[in-house]
């Protein structure tokens, strides 16, 4: 599931550089790099399942940290186009700080991300079962 999600996010980020013609070159480059990072991680998960099972925690921590850094700088680049400039700046600063923290402790950060993902999937599963029973 993680490989599928990262691959799809990467493809959409790469394709989005052709959609937005108002953005400057640096923002488009940032979107391209962000999309490539997502795509590389997604493809890696599919190519070597044994290695990805062993190194996935560390790699996810590093790649997500880099991705959050790039995403934060991309958001800072599009502040002038945003409807809510305050929330965009807040989100950008939060992404940059989270990316730095995750890069400083990638293994611990990846464990926390996987735990959060597991909790989200459990909650989503409970809602799906409740929806099914109500239906």
N, C-alpha and C. Protein backbone atom coordinates (compact mmCIF):
# COMPACT_ATOMS: atom_id res chain seq x y z
N UNK A 1 0.82 -1.19 0.00
CA UNK A 1 0.00 0.00 0.00
C UNK A 1 0.87 1.26 0.00
N UNK A 2 1.94 1.24 0.76
CA UNK A 2 2.80 2.41 0.84
C UNK A 2 3.45 2.68 -0.52
N UNK A 3 3.89 1.62 -1.19
CA UNK A 3 4.48 1.78 -2.51
C UNK A 3 3.50 2.36 -3.51
N UNK A 4 2.27 1.89 -3.46
CA UNK A 4 1.24 2.39 -4.37
C UNK A 4 0.96 3.87 -4.10
N UNK A 5 0.81 4.21 -2.82
CA UNK A 5 0.50 5.60 -2.46
C UNK A 5 1.64 6.53 -2.87
N UNK A 6 2.89 6.15 -2.54
CA UNK A 6 4.02 7.01 -2.89
C UNK A 6 4.16 7.15 -4.41
N UNK A 7 3.95 6.08 -5.15
CA UNK A 7 4.05 6.15 -6.60
C UNK A 7 2.98 7.08 -7.18
N UNK A 8 1.76 6.95 -6.70
CA UNK A 8 0.68 7.80 -7.21
C UNK A 8 0.93 9.27 -6.85
N UNK A 9 1.34 9.53 -5.60
CA UNK A 9 1.63 10.91 -5.20
C UNK A 9 2.76 11.47 -6.06
N UNK A 10 3.80 10.68 -6.28
CA UNK A 10 4.91 11.13 -7.11
C UNK A 10 4.49 11.46 -8.52
N UNK A 11 3.67 10.60 -9.12
CA UNK A 11 3.21 10.86 -10.49
C UNK A 11 2.36 12.13 -10.56
N UNK A 12 1.48 12.31 -9.59
CA UNK A 12 0.64 13.51 -9.61
C UNK A 12 1.45 14.77 -9.36
N UNK A 13 2.46 14.69 -8.49
CA UNK A 13 3.31 15.86 -8.28
C UNK A 13 4.09 16.21 -9.54
N UNK A 14 4.58 15.21 -10.23
CA UNK A 14 5.33 15.45 -11.47
C UNK A 14 4.40 16.03 -12.54
N UNK A 15 3.21 15.46 -12.65
CA UNK A 15 2.26 15.96 -13.66
C UNK A 15 1.75 17.36 -13.32
N UNK A 16 1.77 17.73 -12.04
CA UNK A 16 1.25 19.05 -11.65
C UNK A 16 2.13 20.19 -12.15
N UNK A 17 3.39 19.91 -12.48
CA UNK A 17 4.24 21.00 -12.97
C UNK A 17 3.82 21.47 -14.35
N UNK A 18 3.09 20.62 -15.08
CA UNK A 18 2.62 21.02 -16.40
C UNK A 18 1.28 21.75 -16.32
N UNK A 19 0.58 21.59 -15.20
CA UNK A 19 -0.74 22.20 -15.04
C UNK A 19 -0.64 23.67 -14.64
N UNK A 20 0.23 23.98 -13.72
CA UNK A 20 0.35 25.34 -13.19
C UNK A 20 1.35 26.13 -14.04
N UNK A 21 0.85 27.03 -14.86
CA UNK A 21 1.73 27.84 -15.71
C UNK A 21 2.13 29.15 -15.03
N UNK A 22 1.46 29.52 -13.92
CA UNK A 22 1.76 30.77 -13.23
C UNK A 22 2.97 30.67 -12.31
N UNK A 23 3.40 29.46 -12.00
CA UNK A 23 4.48 29.27 -11.04
C UNK A 23 5.83 29.57 -11.68
N UNK A 24 6.76 30.05 -10.83
CA UNK A 24 8.09 30.31 -11.35
C UNK A 24 8.88 29.01 -11.47
N UNK A 25 10.07 29.11 -12.03
CA UNK A 25 10.87 27.93 -12.32
C UNK A 25 11.27 27.19 -11.05
N UNK A 26 11.58 27.91 -9.97
CA UNK A 26 12.02 27.26 -8.74
C UNK A 26 10.90 26.44 -8.10
N UNK A 27 9.69 26.95 -8.15
CA UNK A 27 8.56 26.20 -7.60
C UNK A 27 8.31 24.95 -8.42
N UNK A 28 8.40 25.08 -9.72
CA UNK A 28 8.22 23.90 -10.58
C UNK A 28 9.32 22.87 -10.35
N UNK A 29 10.55 23.35 -10.16
CA UNK A 29 11.66 22.45 -9.87
C UNK A 29 11.44 21.75 -8.53
N UNK A 30 10.95 22.48 -7.55
CA UNK A 30 10.65 21.89 -6.25
C UNK A 30 9.58 20.82 -6.36
N UNK A 31 8.53 21.11 -7.12
CA UNK A 31 7.48 20.10 -7.33
C UNK A 31 8.02 18.88 -8.06
N UNK A 32 8.89 19.09 -9.02
CA UNK A 32 9.50 17.97 -9.74
C UNK A 32 10.35 17.12 -8.80
N UNK A 33 11.17 17.76 -7.97
CA UNK A 33 12.00 17.02 -7.02
C UNK A 33 11.15 16.27 -6.01
N UNK A 34 10.11 16.91 -5.52
CA UNK A 34 9.21 16.26 -4.58
C UNK A 34 8.55 15.04 -5.21
N UNK A 35 8.08 15.19 -6.44
CA UNK A 35 7.47 14.07 -7.14
C UNK A 35 8.45 12.94 -7.38
N UNK A 36 9.68 13.29 -7.75
CA UNK A 36 10.69 12.27 -7.97
C UNK A 36 11.04 11.52 -6.69
N UNK A 37 11.10 12.24 -5.58
CA UNK A 37 11.37 11.57 -4.30
C UNK A 37 10.27 10.57 -3.96
N UNK A 38 9.03 10.99 -4.08
CA UNK A 38 7.91 10.08 -3.83
C UNK A 38 7.97 8.89 -4.79
N UNK A 39 8.25 9.15 -6.05
CA UNK A 39 8.28 8.09 -7.05
C UNK A 39 9.41 7.10 -6.79
N UNK A 40 10.59 7.59 -6.42
CA UNK A 40 11.72 6.71 -6.13
C UNK A 40 11.40 5.79 -4.95
N UNK A 41 10.84 6.35 -3.90
CA UNK A 41 10.50 5.53 -2.74
C UNK A 41 9.43 4.50 -3.12
N UNK A 42 8.43 4.92 -3.86
CA UNK A 42 7.37 4.00 -4.26
C UNK A 42 7.88 2.86 -5.12
N UNK A 43 8.75 3.16 -6.06
CA UNK A 43 9.30 2.12 -6.94
C UNK A 43 10.23 1.20 -6.14
N UNK A 44 11.01 1.76 -5.22
CA UNK A 44 11.91 0.94 -4.42
C UNK A 44 11.16 -0.13 -3.64
N UNK A 45 10.01 0.23 -3.11
CA UNK A 45 9.22 -0.73 -2.35
C UNK A 45 8.80 -1.90 -3.24
N UNK A 46 8.47 -1.62 -4.50
CA UNK A 46 8.04 -2.68 -5.41
C UNK A 46 9.19 -3.53 -5.94
N UNK A 47 10.35 -2.94 -6.14
CA UNK A 47 11.47 -3.63 -6.78
C UNK A 47 12.09 -4.69 -5.88
N UNK A 48 12.35 -4.37 -4.62
CA UNK A 48 13.04 -5.30 -3.75
C UNK A 48 12.32 -5.38 -2.41
N UNK A 49 11.39 -6.31 -2.32
CA UNK A 49 10.58 -6.41 -1.12
C UNK A 49 11.39 -6.83 0.11
N UNK A 50 12.37 -7.72 -0.09
CA UNK A 50 13.17 -8.18 1.06
C UNK A 50 13.99 -7.03 1.64
N UNK A 51 14.65 -6.28 0.77
CA UNK A 51 15.45 -5.14 1.25
C UNK A 51 14.55 -4.05 1.81
N UNK A 52 13.42 -3.84 1.18
CA UNK A 52 12.54 -2.78 1.68
C UNK A 52 11.96 -3.16 3.03
N UNK A 53 11.74 -4.45 3.27
CA UNK A 53 11.26 -4.87 4.59
C UNK A 53 12.32 -4.64 5.65
N UNK A 54 13.59 -4.82 5.27
CA UNK A 54 14.68 -4.64 6.23
C UNK A 54 15.01 -3.17 6.46
N UNK A 55 15.10 -2.40 5.39
CA UNK A 55 15.55 -1.01 5.48
C UNK A 55 14.44 0.02 5.38
N UNK A 56 13.22 -0.41 5.31
CA UNK A 56 12.12 0.52 5.07
C UNK A 56 11.98 1.57 6.17
N UNK A 57 12.16 1.17 7.41
CA UNK A 57 12.03 2.14 8.49
C UNK A 57 13.03 3.28 8.33
N UNK A 58 14.26 2.93 8.09
CA UNK A 58 15.30 3.96 7.96
C UNK A 58 15.10 4.79 6.69
N UNK A 59 14.83 4.12 5.58
CA UNK A 59 14.64 4.85 4.33
C UNK A 59 13.42 5.76 4.35
N UNK A 60 12.35 5.26 4.93
CA UNK A 60 11.14 6.08 5.01
C UNK A 60 11.41 7.32 5.85
N UNK A 61 12.12 7.13 6.96
CA UNK A 61 12.46 8.29 7.80
C UNK A 61 13.27 9.32 7.05
N UNK A 62 14.27 8.87 6.31
CA UNK A 62 15.13 9.79 5.55
C UNK A 62 14.36 10.44 4.41
N UNK A 63 13.67 9.63 3.61
CA UNK A 63 12.96 10.18 2.46
C UNK A 63 11.81 11.09 2.86
N UNK A 64 11.09 10.74 3.89
CA UNK A 64 9.99 11.61 4.33
C UNK A 64 10.56 12.91 4.89
N UNK A 65 11.68 12.83 5.60
CA UNK A 65 12.32 14.05 6.10
C UNK A 65 12.73 14.97 4.97
N UNK A 66 13.36 14.41 3.93
CA UNK A 66 13.76 15.20 2.77
C UNK A 66 12.52 15.75 2.05
N UNK A 67 11.53 14.90 1.93
CA UNK A 67 10.30 15.31 1.24
C UNK A 67 9.62 16.46 1.97
N UNK A 68 9.55 16.37 3.29
CA UNK A 68 8.92 17.45 4.06
C UNK A 68 9.72 18.74 3.94
N UNK A 69 11.04 18.63 3.90
CA UNK A 69 11.85 19.83 3.70
C UNK A 69 11.55 20.48 2.36
N UNK A 70 11.58 19.68 1.31
CA UNK A 70 11.32 20.21 -0.03
C UNK A 70 9.90 20.76 -0.12
N UNK A 71 8.96 20.03 0.46
CA UNK A 71 7.56 20.47 0.43
C UNK A 71 7.39 21.80 1.16
N UNK A 72 8.09 21.98 2.27
CA UNK A 72 8.03 23.24 3.00
C UNK A 72 8.55 24.40 2.18
N UNK A 73 9.67 24.18 1.49
CA UNK A 73 10.22 25.25 0.66
C UNK A 73 9.35 25.52 -0.57
N UNK A 74 8.73 24.48 -1.10
CA UNK A 74 7.81 24.68 -2.23
C UNK A 74 6.61 25.51 -1.76
N UNK A 75 6.09 25.20 -0.58
CA UNK A 75 4.95 25.97 -0.06
C UNK A 75 5.34 27.43 0.17
N UNK A 76 6.55 27.66 0.64
CA UNK A 76 7.00 29.04 0.80
C UNK A 76 7.08 29.75 -0.56
N UNK A 77 7.37 28.98 -1.61
CA UNK A 77 7.45 29.56 -2.94
C UNK A 77 6.10 29.93 -3.53
N UNK A 78 5.03 29.31 -3.04
CA UNK A 78 3.70 29.59 -3.60
C UNK A 78 2.82 30.40 -2.65
N UNK A 79 3.43 31.02 -1.65
CA UNK A 79 2.65 31.81 -0.68
C UNK A 79 1.87 32.91 -1.39
N UNK A 80 2.47 33.54 -2.40
CA UNK A 80 1.79 34.64 -3.07
C UNK A 80 0.55 34.17 -3.84
N UNK A 81 0.47 32.89 -4.19
CA UNK A 81 -0.68 32.36 -4.91
C UNK A 81 -1.75 31.79 -3.98
N UNK A 82 -1.41 31.62 -2.71
CA UNK A 82 -2.31 30.96 -1.76
C UNK A 82 -3.45 31.89 -1.34
N UNK A 83 -4.58 31.28 -1.07
CA UNK A 83 -5.74 32.03 -0.60
C UNK A 83 -5.50 32.45 0.86
N UNK A 84 -5.03 31.52 1.66
CA UNK A 84 -4.76 31.80 3.08
C UNK A 84 -3.24 31.80 3.28
N UNK A 85 -2.65 32.96 3.22
CA UNK A 85 -1.20 33.08 3.32
C UNK A 85 -0.68 32.65 4.69
N UNK A 86 -1.41 32.97 5.75
CA UNK A 86 -0.99 32.61 7.10
C UNK A 86 -0.89 31.10 7.30
N UNK A 87 -1.93 30.37 6.86
CA UNK A 87 -1.91 28.92 7.00
C UNK A 87 -0.85 28.29 6.10
N UNK A 88 -0.63 28.88 4.93
CA UNK A 88 0.39 28.35 4.04
C UNK A 88 1.78 28.51 4.64
N UNK A 89 2.05 29.66 5.23
CA UNK A 89 3.35 29.88 5.88
C UNK A 89 3.49 28.96 7.08
N UNK A 90 2.43 28.83 7.89
CA UNK A 90 2.46 27.93 9.04
C UNK A 90 2.74 26.50 8.61
N UNK A 91 2.05 26.05 7.57
CA UNK A 91 2.25 24.69 7.06
C UNK A 91 3.67 24.50 6.53
N UNK A 92 4.19 25.51 5.86
CA UNK A 92 5.55 25.43 5.31
C UNK A 92 6.58 25.33 6.43
N UNK A 93 6.45 26.18 7.44
CA UNK A 93 7.40 26.16 8.56
C UNK A 93 7.30 24.84 9.31
N UNK A 94 6.08 24.35 9.51
CA UNK A 94 5.87 23.06 10.17
C UNK A 94 6.52 21.93 9.38
N UNK A 95 6.38 21.93 8.06
CA UNK A 95 7.00 20.91 7.21
C UNK A 95 8.52 20.96 7.29
N UNK A 96 9.07 22.16 7.28
CA UNK A 96 10.53 22.30 7.34
C UNK A 96 11.06 21.81 8.69
N UNK A 97 10.42 22.22 9.78
CA UNK A 97 10.87 21.80 11.11
C UNK A 97 10.71 20.28 11.28
N UNK A 98 9.58 19.73 10.85
CA UNK A 98 9.37 18.29 10.95
C UNK A 98 10.38 17.53 10.09
N UNK A 99 10.69 18.06 8.91
CA UNK A 99 11.70 17.42 8.05
C UNK A 99 13.07 17.39 8.69
N UNK A 100 13.45 18.48 9.32
CA UNK A 100 14.75 18.54 10.00
C UNK A 100 14.79 17.55 11.16
N UNK A 101 13.74 17.52 11.96
CA UNK A 101 13.69 16.59 13.10
C UNK A 101 13.73 15.15 12.60
N UNK A 102 13.00 14.86 11.54
CA UNK A 102 12.97 13.49 11.02
C UNK A 102 14.32 13.09 10.44
N UNK A 103 15.03 14.01 9.84
CA UNK A 103 16.36 13.70 9.32
C UNK A 103 17.38 13.51 10.44
N UNK A 104 17.16 14.16 11.57
CA UNK A 104 18.08 13.99 12.70
C UNK A 104 17.87 12.64 13.40
N UNK A 105 16.65 12.13 13.40
CA UNK A 105 16.34 10.84 14.02
C UNK A 105 15.47 10.01 13.08
N UNK A 106 16.03 9.54 11.95
CA UNK A 106 15.18 8.88 10.95
C UNK A 106 14.56 7.57 11.42
N UNK A 107 15.29 6.78 12.20
CA UNK A 107 14.75 5.50 12.62
C UNK A 107 13.60 5.68 13.61
N UNK A 108 13.79 6.52 14.61
CA UNK A 108 12.73 6.80 15.58
C UNK A 108 11.54 7.47 14.89
N UNK A 109 11.82 8.41 13.99
CA UNK A 109 10.75 9.08 13.27
C UNK A 109 9.95 8.13 12.40
N UNK A 110 10.64 7.18 11.77
CA UNK A 110 9.94 6.21 10.93
C UNK A 110 9.07 5.29 11.77
N UNK A 111 9.56 4.90 12.94
CA UNK A 111 8.74 4.08 13.83
C UNK A 111 7.47 4.84 14.22
N UNK A 112 7.62 6.13 14.51
CA UNK A 112 6.46 6.95 14.87
C UNK A 112 5.51 7.08 13.67
N UNK A 113 6.06 7.26 12.46
CA UNK A 113 5.20 7.37 11.27
C UNK A 113 4.43 6.07 11.03
N UNK A 114 5.11 4.94 11.18
CA UNK A 114 4.44 3.65 10.97
C UNK A 114 3.37 3.41 12.03
N UNK A 115 3.66 3.81 13.27
CA UNK A 115 2.67 3.68 14.34
C UNK A 115 1.45 4.54 14.04
N UNK A 116 1.70 5.77 13.60
CA UNK A 116 0.60 6.66 13.23
C UNK A 116 -0.20 6.10 12.06
N UNK A 117 0.50 5.58 11.06
CA UNK A 117 -0.19 4.96 9.91
C UNK A 117 -1.04 3.79 10.36
N UNK A 118 -0.51 2.95 11.25
CA UNK A 118 -1.28 1.82 11.76
C UNK A 118 -2.51 2.27 12.52
N UNK A 119 -2.37 3.29 13.35
CA UNK A 119 -3.52 3.81 14.10
C UNK A 119 -4.58 4.37 13.16
N UNK A 120 -4.13 5.08 12.14
CA UNK A 120 -5.08 5.64 11.16
C UNK A 120 -5.82 4.52 10.44
N UNK A 121 -5.11 3.47 10.07
CA UNK A 121 -5.76 2.36 9.37
C UNK A 121 -6.73 1.61 10.28
N UNK A 122 -6.41 1.48 11.56
CA UNK A 122 -7.34 0.85 12.50
C UNK A 122 -8.60 1.68 12.64
N UNK A 123 -8.46 2.98 12.82
CA UNK A 123 -9.62 3.87 12.94
C UNK A 123 -10.45 3.83 11.65
N UNK A 124 -9.77 3.88 10.51
CA UNK A 124 -10.48 3.81 9.23
C UNK A 124 -11.23 2.48 9.10
N UNK A 125 -10.62 1.39 9.52
CA UNK A 125 -11.27 0.08 9.49
C UNK A 125 -12.51 0.03 10.37
N UNK A 126 -12.41 0.63 11.55
CA UNK A 126 -13.58 0.67 12.46
C UNK A 126 -14.72 1.45 11.82
N UNK A 127 -14.40 2.59 11.21
CA UNK A 127 -15.43 3.38 10.54
C UNK A 127 -16.04 2.62 9.36
N UNK A 128 -15.22 1.88 8.63
CA UNK A 128 -15.75 1.11 7.49
C UNK A 128 -16.68 0.01 7.98
N UNK A 129 -16.31 -0.68 9.06
CA UNK A 129 -17.17 -1.73 9.62
C UNK A 129 -18.48 -1.12 10.13
N UNK A 130 -18.39 0.01 10.82
CA UNK A 130 -19.60 0.67 11.32
C UNK A 130 -20.48 1.12 10.16
N UNK A 131 -19.87 1.63 9.11
CA UNK A 131 -20.62 2.05 7.93
C UNK A 131 -21.32 0.84 7.28
N UNK A 132 -20.59 -0.27 7.22
CA UNK A 132 -21.15 -1.48 6.62
C UNK A 132 -22.32 -1.99 7.44
N UNK A 133 -22.17 -2.01 8.77
CA UNK A 133 -23.25 -2.49 9.63
C UNK A 133 -24.46 -1.57 9.58
N UNK A 134 -24.23 -0.27 9.46
CA UNK A 134 -25.34 0.69 9.36
C UNK A 134 -26.04 0.59 8.02
N UNK A 135 -25.32 0.20 7.00
CA UNK A 135 -25.88 0.10 5.66
C UNK A 135 -26.81 -1.08 5.60
